Amino acid sequence: MKTVLCYGDSNTYGFNPVSGMRYPDTVRWTGLLQNMLGSDYKVIEEGCNGRTTVFDDVIEPWKSGLPYLKPCLNTHKPVDIVVLMLGSNDLKECFHASAEEIADGAGQLVDVIKEFTELKQGFVPTIILISPPEIGEGITTSAFYGNFLENAIDRSREFPKYYKKIADDKGCIFVNAAEHVEASKEDSLHLSPEAHKKLAKVLYGVISEVDGR
């Protein structure tokens, strides 16, 4: 059985923009991916609302993706595939981060994955680096407005260029989520059930190609 670790934020957790609760596993892209891949794979959901790449929130510093990454990898080893989708929360105004700086943060996480797994499990997993979906135009009327301002829209549109460079430089498989899904109209940040379904299909195709299924 192969282990697929999905390390991300609220769009990996499955935040429901309508209710503010969590989608059931029959709706979340991680749950759908598990069903598509079948019993030869174990898909592990490691999504946390508000998680960043490497930035420390002054109120909730534990939401940085960096300090938890090694314990997470160690807990679930051996890990065969890591699906990494982080960066949306780095667009919060408090971090003042450019798209390039955010992608560099994702790159730091990739480095940790490669170095730590080589040490702890003897091989480096396939890493699928996902450039997050764009922030929607309606962010100004979203419940999350204030944390995210209008400038987050343009910065999110720059993600693919910088994330692809990181993926190419570090030997990752690159997926541009914005080519396939968009943020919901409800809050311009989180994915709709249909978007979860589309993303699951995309990742199923990528993993199937990698494994020659």
Protein backbone atom coordinates (compact mmCIF):
# COMPACT_ATOMS: atom_id res chain seq x y z
CA MET A 1 0.00 0.00 0.00
CA LYS A 2 1.27 3.47 -0.90
CA THR A 3 0.85 6.43 1.43
CA VAL A 4 -0.20 9.80 0.00
CA LEU A 5 0.26 12.66 2.46
CA CYS A 6 -1.81 15.75 1.66
CA TYR A 7 -0.29 18.71 3.51
CA GLY A 8 -2.22 21.94 3.22
CA ASP A 9 -4.54 24.54 4.66
CA SER A 10 -8.32 24.96 4.85
CA ASN A 11 -8.81 23.85 1.26
CA THR A 12 -7.20 20.55 2.20
CA TYR A 13 -9.08 20.44 5.49
CA GLY A 14 -12.30 20.95 3.56
CA PHE A 15 -13.65 24.25 4.91
CA ASN A 16 -17.23 24.81 3.79
CA PRO A 17 -17.65 28.49 2.77
CA VAL A 18 -21.42 28.32 3.21
CA SER A 19 -21.65 26.90 6.74
CA GLY A 20 -18.17 27.62 8.09
CA MET A 21 -17.96 23.96 9.07
CA ARG A 22 -16.18 21.06 7.35
CA TYR A 23 -17.30 19.20 4.25
CA PRO A 24 -17.81 15.46 4.77
CA ASP A 25 -15.15 13.16 3.38
CA THR A 26 -17.47 12.31 0.50
CA VAL A 27 -17.08 15.94 -0.67
CA ARG A 28 -13.47 16.77 0.25
CA TRP A 29 -10.96 16.31 -2.57
CA THR A 30 -8.85 14.15 -0.27
CA GLY A 31 -11.73 11.77 0.39
CA LEU A 32 -12.67 11.66 -3.27
CA LEU A 33 -9.05 10.98 -4.19
CA GLN A 34 -8.98 8.07 -1.75
CA ASN A 35 -12.04 6.55 -3.41
CA MET A 36 -10.56 7.02 -6.88
CA LEU A 37 -7.19 5.48 -5.98
CA GLY A 38 -8.70 2.56 -4.11
CA SER A 39 -7.36 0.22 -1.48
CA ASP A 40 -3.80 0.16 -2.83
CA TYR A 41 -3.36 3.69 -1.47
CA LYS A 42 -3.84 5.40 1.86
CA VAL A 43 -4.61 9.10 1.54
CA ILE A 44 -3.78 11.04 4.71
CA GLU A 45 -5.46 14.38 5.26
CA GLU A 46 -3.23 16.94 6.97
CA GLY A 47 -5.10 20.17 6.34
CA CYS A 48 -5.21 22.95 8.92
CA ASN A 49 -7.30 26.11 8.68
CA GLY A 50 -5.04 29.15 8.42
CA ARG A 51 -1.83 27.22 7.83
CA THR A 52 0.94 29.15 6.08
CA THR A 53 4.10 27.94 4.41
CA VAL A 54 6.70 29.28 6.86
CA PHE A 55 5.22 32.53 8.17
CA ASP A 56 4.40 32.87 11.89
CA ASP A 57 1.05 34.39 12.72
CA VAL A 58 1.54 36.57 15.81
CA ILE A 59 -1.79 35.37 17.22
CA GLU A 60 -1.56 31.71 16.22
CA PRO A 61 2.12 30.93 15.49
CA TRP A 62 1.41 27.18 15.55
CA LYS A 63 -0.25 27.55 12.15
CA SER A 64 3.06 27.82 10.31
CA GLY A 65 3.53 24.77 8.10
CA LEU A 66 7.22 24.49 8.91
CA PRO A 67 7.49 23.25 12.54
CA TYR A 68 4.80 20.57 12.16
CA LEU A 69 6.13 19.17 8.90
CA LYS A 70 8.86 16.92 10.33
CA PRO A 71 6.65 15.40 13.05
CA CYS A 72 3.96 14.84 10.44
CA LEU A 73 6.33 13.07 8.04
CA ASN A 74 7.74 11.00 10.86
CA THR A 75 4.30 9.98 12.11
CA HIS A 76 3.14 8.72 8.73
CA LYS A 77 6.37 7.27 7.33
CA PRO A 78 7.00 5.64 4.99
CA VAL A 79 5.42 8.30 2.80
CA ASP A 80 5.43 7.62 -0.94
CA ILE A 81 3.77 10.78 -2.27
CA VAL A 82 3.42 14.24 -0.74
CA VAL A 83 0.79 16.60 -2.12
CA LEU A 84 1.74 20.09 -0.94
CA MET A 85 -0.74 22.96 -1.37
CA LEU A 86 0.04 25.98 0.79
CA GLY A 87 0.37 29.71 0.19
CA SER A 88 -3.12 31.20 0.23
CA ASN A 89 -2.89 32.26 3.87
CA ASP A 90 0.51 33.80 3.25
CA LEU A 91 -1.39 36.42 1.23
CA LYS A 92 -2.83 37.88 4.43
CA GLU A 93 -2.00 41.54 4.78
CA CYS A 94 -0.16 41.00 8.07
CA PHE A 95 2.65 39.09 6.34
CA HIS A 96 3.35 41.66 3.58
CA ALA A 97 4.67 38.82 1.42
CA SER A 98 5.12 38.85 -2.34
CA ALA A 99 4.13 35.90 -4.50
CA GLU A 100 7.81 35.10 -4.99
CA GLU A 101 8.48 35.11 -1.24
CA ILE A 102 5.49 32.84 -0.67
CA ALA A 103 6.70 30.40 -3.32
CA ASP A 104 10.13 30.46 -1.68
CA GLY A 105 8.39 29.47 1.56
CA ALA A 106 6.86 26.50 -0.22
CA GLY A 107 10.33 25.70 -1.51
CA GLN A 108 11.66 25.59 2.04
CA LEU A 109 9.03 23.00 2.87
CA VAL A 110 10.05 20.96 -0.17
CA ASP A 111 13.65 21.01 1.05
CA VAL A 112 12.56 19.77 4.47
CA ILE A 113 10.53 16.96 2.93
CA LYS A 114 13.43 15.81 0.79
CA GLU A 115 16.11 16.00 3.49
CA PHE A 116 14.02 14.57 6.32
CA THR A 117 12.56 11.63 4.40
CA GLU A 118 15.96 10.69 3.03
CA LEU A 119 17.20 10.55 6.59
CA LYS A 120 14.20 8.91 8.27
CA GLN A 121 12.82 6.52 5.69
CA GLY A 122 15.70 6.09 3.27
CA PHE A 123 14.01 7.51 0.18
CA VAL A 124 12.46 10.75 -1.00
CA PRO A 125 8.75 10.64 -1.89
CA THR A 126 7.31 12.00 -5.08
CA ILE A 127 6.38 15.60 -4.31
CA ILE A 128 3.43 17.22 -6.06
CA LEU A 129 3.65 20.98 -5.54
CA ILE A 130 0.34 22.75 -6.14
CA SER A 131 0.09 26.45 -6.86
CA PRO A 132 -3.04 27.44 -4.89
CA PRO A 133 -6.25 28.75 -6.47
CA GLU A 134 -6.59 32.47 -7.07
CA ILE A 135 -8.28 34.72 -4.54
CA GLY A 136 -11.68 35.64 -5.95
CA GLU A 137 -12.71 39.13 -7.08
CA GLY A 138 -15.36 39.24 -4.37
CA ILE A 139 -12.87 39.23 -1.51
CA THR A 140 -13.92 42.80 -0.62
CA THR A 141 -17.33 41.51 0.50
CA SER A 142 -16.02 38.29 2.01
CA ALA A 143 -16.12 37.48 5.71
CA PHE A 144 -12.33 37.22 5.40
CA TYR A 145 -11.89 40.76 4.10
CA GLY A 146 -9.48 42.64 6.32
CA ASN A 147 -7.20 39.66 6.67
CA PHE A 148 -7.07 39.62 2.87
CA LEU A 149 -7.19 42.88 0.91
CA GLU A 150 -7.65 43.56 -2.80
CA ASN A 151 -3.92 43.22 -3.46
CA ALA A 152 -4.15 39.52 -2.57
CA ILE A 153 -5.98 38.92 -5.84
CA ASP A 154 -3.11 40.06 -8.07
CA ARG A 155 -0.48 38.34 -5.94
CA SER A 156 -2.37 35.06 -6.11
CA ARG A 157 -2.40 35.33 -9.90
CA GLU A 158 1.40 35.40 -9.83
CA PHE A 159 1.64 32.11 -7.95
CA PRO A 160 1.93 29.76 -10.96
CA LYS A 161 5.04 31.47 -12.36
CA TYR A 162 6.96 31.26 -9.09
CA TYR A 163 5.66 27.89 -7.93
CA LYS A 164 6.56 26.30 -11.25
CA LYS A 165 10.10 27.61 -10.94
CA ILE A 166 10.38 26.10 -7.46
CA ALA A 167 8.97 22.80 -8.72
CA ASP A 168 11.37 22.70 -11.66
CA ASP A 169 14.39 23.64 -9.57
CA LYS A 170 13.63 21.07 -6.88
CA GLY A 171 12.39 18.16 -8.96
CA CYS A 172 8.71 18.31 -8.03
CA ILE A 173 5.65 17.68 -10.14
CA PHE A 174 3.88 21.00 -10.66
CA VAL A 175 0.11 21.48 -10.68
CA ASN A 176 -1.52 24.86 -11.22
CA ALA A 177 -4.80 24.64 -9.31
CA ALA A 178 -6.05 27.86 -10.92
CA GLU A 179 -6.18 26.10 -14.29
CA HIS A 180 -8.82 23.76 -12.92
CA VAL A 181 -10.68 25.37 -10.00
CA GLU A 182 -11.63 28.76 -8.63
CA ALA A 183 -12.60 30.07 -5.22
CA SER A 184 -16.27 29.96 -4.32
CA LYS A 185 -18.53 32.95 -4.83
CA GLU A 186 -19.50 32.70 -1.15
CA ASP A 187 -16.18 33.88 0.28
CA SER A 188 -13.72 34.15 -2.66
CA LEU A 189 -11.27 31.94 -0.78
CA HIS A 190 -12.57 28.40 -0.24
CA LEU A 191 -13.54 25.73 -2.73
CA SER A 192 -17.04 24.61 -3.64
CA PRO A 193 -18.00 20.91 -3.73
CA GLU A 194 -17.65 20.95 -7.51
CA ALA A 195 -14.14 22.41 -7.24
CA HIS A 196 -13.18 19.68 -4.77
CA LYS A 197 -14.36 17.11 -7.28
CA LYS A 198 -12.34 18.69 -10.10
CA LEU A 199 -9.19 18.90 -8.02
CA ALA A 200 -9.52 15.26 -6.98
CA LYS A 201 -9.77 14.22 -10.63
CA VAL A 202 -6.70 16.24 -11.55
CA LEU A 203 -4.62 14.70 -8.78
CA TYR A 204 -5.90 11.23 -9.55
CA GLY A 205 -4.63 11.70 -13.09
CA VAL A 206 -1.25 12.96 -11.90
CA ILE A 207 -0.75 10.12 -9.42
CA SER A 208 -1.92 7.54 -11.94
CA GLU A 209 0.60 8.82 -14.46
CA VAL A 210 3.41 8.78 -11.89
CA ASP A 211 2.63 5.23 -10.86
CA GLY A 212 1.86 3.96 -14.36
CA ARG A 213 -1.69 2.98 -13.49
